[in-house]
Amino acid sequence: MDYQQTALLLQRIEAELKVLQWWSNQAPSAAAMASTAPFACDLMTLAQWLQFIFLPRMQALIDGGFPLPTSCSIYPMAELTWTPLTTAQQPLLDAIKALDLLLNDTNSTAGSD
């Protein structure tokens, strides 16, 4: 598990959300935070889900030394959600894609050595 590289990509995603001014100081409602829909898409935006659910949970895994997800597929949802894509959004999508690839690659090769 590559905690350091994962942490760097999480920081990059956070930075890109801030550049796009999609970073919020106000948390979603308790109901939104309790959503069981994929990406909480029924009650919050993908940017909110990244900020308030995904990034904190991933950071908690890293901080606790817990196993990282064995599969990560946020990029297809991001690509679909933010179509048509603007030039300003591309760095965020690139960071999400890199995270997906890192986690999927790390987990597919884990245990092979």
C-alpha atoms as a PDB file:
ATOM      1  CA  MET A   1       0.000   0.000   0.000  1.00  0.00           C
ATOM      2  CA  ASP A   2       1.436   3.315  -1.041  1.00  0.00           C
ATOM      3  CA  TYR A   3       0.196   5.634   1.687  1.00  0.00           C
ATOM      4  CA  GLN A   4       2.545   8.468   0.746  1.00  0.00           C
ATOM      5  CA  GLN A   5       1.565   8.602  -2.909  1.00  0.00           C
ATOM      6  CA  THR A   6      -2.110   8.198  -2.015  1.00  0.00           C
ATOM      7  CA  ALA A   7      -1.887  11.051   0.499  1.00  0.00           C
ATOM      8  CA  LEU A   8      -0.265  13.289  -2.114  1.00  0.00           C
ATOM      9  CA  LEU A   9      -3.062  12.580  -4.583  1.00  0.00           C
ATOM     10  CA  LEU A  10      -5.687  13.293  -1.920  1.00  0.00           C
ATOM     11  CA  GLN A  11      -3.985  16.641  -1.270  1.00  0.00           C
ATOM     12  CA  ARG A  12      -3.950  17.337  -4.999  1.00  0.00           C
ATOM     13  CA  ILE A  13      -7.673  16.593  -5.259  1.00  0.00           C
ATOM     14  CA  GLU A  14      -8.348  18.948  -2.344  1.00  0.00           C
ATOM     15  CA  ALA A  15      -6.232  21.675  -3.923  1.00  0.00           C
ATOM     16  CA  GLU A  16      -8.009  21.337  -7.261  1.00  0.00           C
ATOM     17  CA  LEU A  17     -11.435  21.496  -5.592  1.00  0.00           C
ATOM     18  CA  LYS A  18     -10.298  24.758  -3.993  1.00  0.00           C
ATOM     19  CA  VAL A  19      -8.970  26.142  -7.284  1.00  0.00           C
ATOM     20  CA  LEU A  20     -12.364  25.474  -8.865  1.00  0.00           C
ATOM     21  CA  GLN A  21     -14.019  27.089  -5.832  1.00  0.00           C
ATOM     22  CA  TRP A  22     -15.929  23.864  -5.190  1.00  0.00           C
ATOM     23  CA  TRP A  23     -14.563  23.609  -1.636  1.00  0.00           C
ATOM     24  CA  SER A  24     -17.237  24.464   0.896  1.00  0.00           C
ATOM     25  CA  ASN A  25     -17.076  25.740   4.458  1.00  0.00           C
ATOM     26  CA  GLN A  26     -20.553  24.372   5.112  1.00  0.00           C
ATOM     27  CA  ALA A  27     -21.029  20.633   5.536  1.00  0.00           C
ATOM     28  CA  PRO A  28     -24.004  18.926   3.903  1.00  0.00           C
ATOM     29  CA  SER A  29     -26.979  18.026   6.068  1.00  0.00           C
ATOM     30  CA  ALA A  30     -26.937  14.982   8.333  1.00  0.00           C
ATOM     31  CA  ALA A  31     -29.307  13.277   5.896  1.00  0.00           C
ATOM     32  CA  ALA A  32     -26.929  13.897   3.013  1.00  0.00           C
ATOM     33  CA  MET A  33     -24.007  12.574   5.018  1.00  0.00           C
ATOM     34  CA  ALA A  34     -25.998   9.416   5.788  1.00  0.00           C
ATOM     35  CA  SER A  35     -26.896   8.762   2.153  1.00  0.00           C
ATOM     36  CA  THR A  36     -26.369   5.200   0.993  1.00  0.00           C
ATOM     37  CA  ALA A  37     -26.555   6.050  -2.721  1.00  0.00           C
ATOM     38  CA  PRO A  38     -23.297   5.679  -4.656  1.00  0.00           C
ATOM     39  CA  PHE A  39     -21.298   8.901  -4.231  1.00  0.00           C
ATOM     40  CA  ALA A  40     -24.290  10.179  -2.183  1.00  0.00           C
ATOM     41  CA  CYS A  41     -25.496  11.392  -5.581  1.00  0.00           C
ATOM     42  CA  ASP A  42     -29.066  11.677  -4.382  1.00  0.00           C
ATOM     43  CA  LEU A  43     -28.313  14.387  -1.828  1.00  0.00           C
ATOM     44  CA  MET A  44     -24.985  16.054  -2.643  1.00  0.00           C
ATOM     45  CA  THR A  45     -22.734  16.983  -5.525  1.00  0.00           C
ATOM     46  CA  LEU A  46     -19.718  14.871  -6.407  1.00  0.00           C
ATOM     47  CA  ALA A  47     -17.469  17.698  -5.189  1.00  0.00           C
ATOM     48  CA  GLN A  48     -19.248  17.628  -1.805  1.00  0.00           C
ATOM     49  CA  TRP A  49     -18.922  13.848  -1.622  1.00  0.00           C
ATOM     50  CA  LEU A  50     -15.199  14.104  -2.340  1.00  0.00           C
ATOM     51  CA  GLN A  51     -14.707  16.800   0.301  1.00  0.00           C
ATOM     52  CA  PHE A  52     -16.914  15.556   3.098  1.00  0.00           C
ATOM     53  CA  ILE A  53     -16.932  11.780   2.695  1.00  0.00           C
ATOM     54  CA  PHE A  54     -14.181  10.412   0.459  1.00  0.00           C
ATOM     55  CA  LEU A  55     -11.181  12.564   1.402  1.00  0.00           C
ATOM     56  CA  PRO A  56     -11.731  12.297   5.191  1.00  0.00           C
ATOM     57  CA  ARG A  57     -12.309   8.531   5.042  1.00  0.00           C
ATOM     58  CA  MET A  58      -9.234   7.949   2.919  1.00  0.00           C
ATOM     59  CA  GLN A  59      -7.130  10.137   5.209  1.00  0.00           C
ATOM     60  CA  ALA A  60      -8.416   8.190   8.235  1.00  0.00           C
ATOM     61  CA  LEU A  61      -7.327   4.926   6.582  1.00  0.00           C
ATOM     62  CA  ILE A  62      -3.877   6.342   5.920  1.00  0.00           C
ATOM     63  CA  ASP A  63      -3.533   7.839   9.406  1.00  0.00           C
ATOM     64  CA  GLY A  64      -4.598   4.564  11.002  1.00  0.00           C
ATOM     65  CA  GLY A  65      -2.428   2.411   8.771  1.00  0.00           C
ATOM     66  CA  PHE A  66      -5.505   0.528   7.609  1.00  0.00           C
ATOM     67  CA  PRO A  67      -5.774  -1.179   4.215  1.00  0.00           C
ATOM     68  CA  LEU A  68      -6.690   1.095   1.343  1.00  0.00           C
ATOM     69  CA  PRO A  69      -9.604   0.242  -0.957  1.00  0.00           C
ATOM     70  CA  THR A  70      -8.955  -2.674  -3.292  1.00  0.00           C
ATOM     71  CA  SER A  71     -10.865  -1.004  -6.097  1.00  0.00           C
ATOM     72  CA  CYS A  72     -11.375   2.650  -6.882  1.00  0.00           C
ATOM     73  CA  SER A  73     -13.531   3.908  -9.735  1.00  0.00           C
ATOM     74  CA  ILE A  74     -14.278   7.557  -9.112  1.00  0.00           C
ATOM     75  CA  TYR A  75     -12.973   8.747 -12.474  1.00  0.00           C
ATOM     76  CA  PRO A  76     -15.883   7.420 -14.588  1.00  0.00           C
ATOM     77  CA  MET A  77     -18.380   9.160 -12.296  1.00  0.00           C
ATOM     78  CA  ALA A  78     -16.380  12.393 -12.359  1.00  0.00           C
ATOM     79  CA  GLU A  79     -16.091  12.296 -16.129  1.00  0.00           C
ATOM     80  CA  LEU A  80     -19.840  11.744 -16.464  1.00  0.00           C
ATOM     81  CA  THR A  81     -20.740  14.356 -13.854  1.00  0.00           C
ATOM     82  CA  TRP A  82     -18.554  17.117 -15.218  1.00  0.00           C
ATOM     83  CA  THR A  83     -19.329  16.719 -18.924  1.00  0.00           C
ATOM     84  CA  PRO A  84     -18.758  18.877 -20.863  1.00  0.00           C
ATOM     85  CA  LEU A  85     -15.357  19.181 -19.284  1.00  0.00           C
ATOM     86  CA  THR A  86     -13.669  22.554 -19.047  1.00  0.00           C
ATOM     87  CA  THR A  87      -9.938  23.156 -19.179  1.00  0.00           C
ATOM     88  CA  ALA A  88     -10.076  24.315 -15.552  1.00  0.00           C
ATOM     89  CA  GLN A  89     -11.564  20.973 -14.459  1.00  0.00           C
ATOM     90  CA  GLN A  90      -8.970  18.802 -16.221  1.00  0.00           C
ATOM     91  CA  PRO A  91      -6.360  18.873 -13.414  1.00  0.00           C
ATOM     92  CA  LEU A  92      -8.977  17.612 -10.946  1.00  0.00           C
ATOM     93  CA  LEU A  93      -9.985  14.806 -13.287  1.00  0.00           C
ATOM     94  CA  ASP A  94      -6.319  13.957 -13.840  1.00  0.00           C
ATOM     95  CA  ALA A  95      -5.758  13.691 -10.066  1.00  0.00           C
ATOM     96  CA  ILE A  96      -8.842  11.491  -9.639  1.00  0.00           C
ATOM     97  CA  LYS A  97      -7.752   9.262 -12.508  1.00  0.00           C
ATOM     98  CA  ALA A  98      -4.247   8.967 -11.036  1.00  0.00           C
ATOM     99  CA  LEU A  99      -5.723   7.945  -7.684  1.00  0.00           C
ATOM    100  CA  ASP A 100      -7.938   5.318  -9.320  1.00  0.00           C
ATOM    101  CA  LEU A 101      -4.957   3.925 -11.223  1.00  0.00           C
ATOM    102  CA  LEU A 102      -2.697   3.947  -8.167  1.00  0.00           C
ATOM    103  CA  LEU A 103      -5.155   2.117  -5.927  1.00  0.00           C
ATOM    104  CA  ASN A 104      -6.167  -0.366  -8.593  1.00  0.00           C
ATOM    105  CA  ASP A 105      -2.540  -1.039  -9.580  1.00  0.00           C
ATOM    106  CA  THR A 106      -1.300  -1.241  -5.988  1.00  0.00           C
ATOM    107  CA  ASN A 107      -4.020  -3.696  -5.088  1.00  0.00           C
ATOM    108  CA  SER A 108      -3.668  -5.834  -8.193  1.00  0.00           C
ATOM    109  CA  THR A 109       0.035  -6.309  -7.500  1.00  0.00           C
ATOM    110  CA  ALA A 110      -0.231  -6.629  -3.716  1.00  0.00           C
ATOM    111  CA  GLY A 111       0.814 -10.047  -2.580  1.00  0.00           C
ATOM    112  CA  SER A 112       2.548 -10.854  -5.845  1.00  0.00           C
ATOM    113  CA  ASP A 113       5.991 -10.321  -4.358  1.00  0.00           C
END
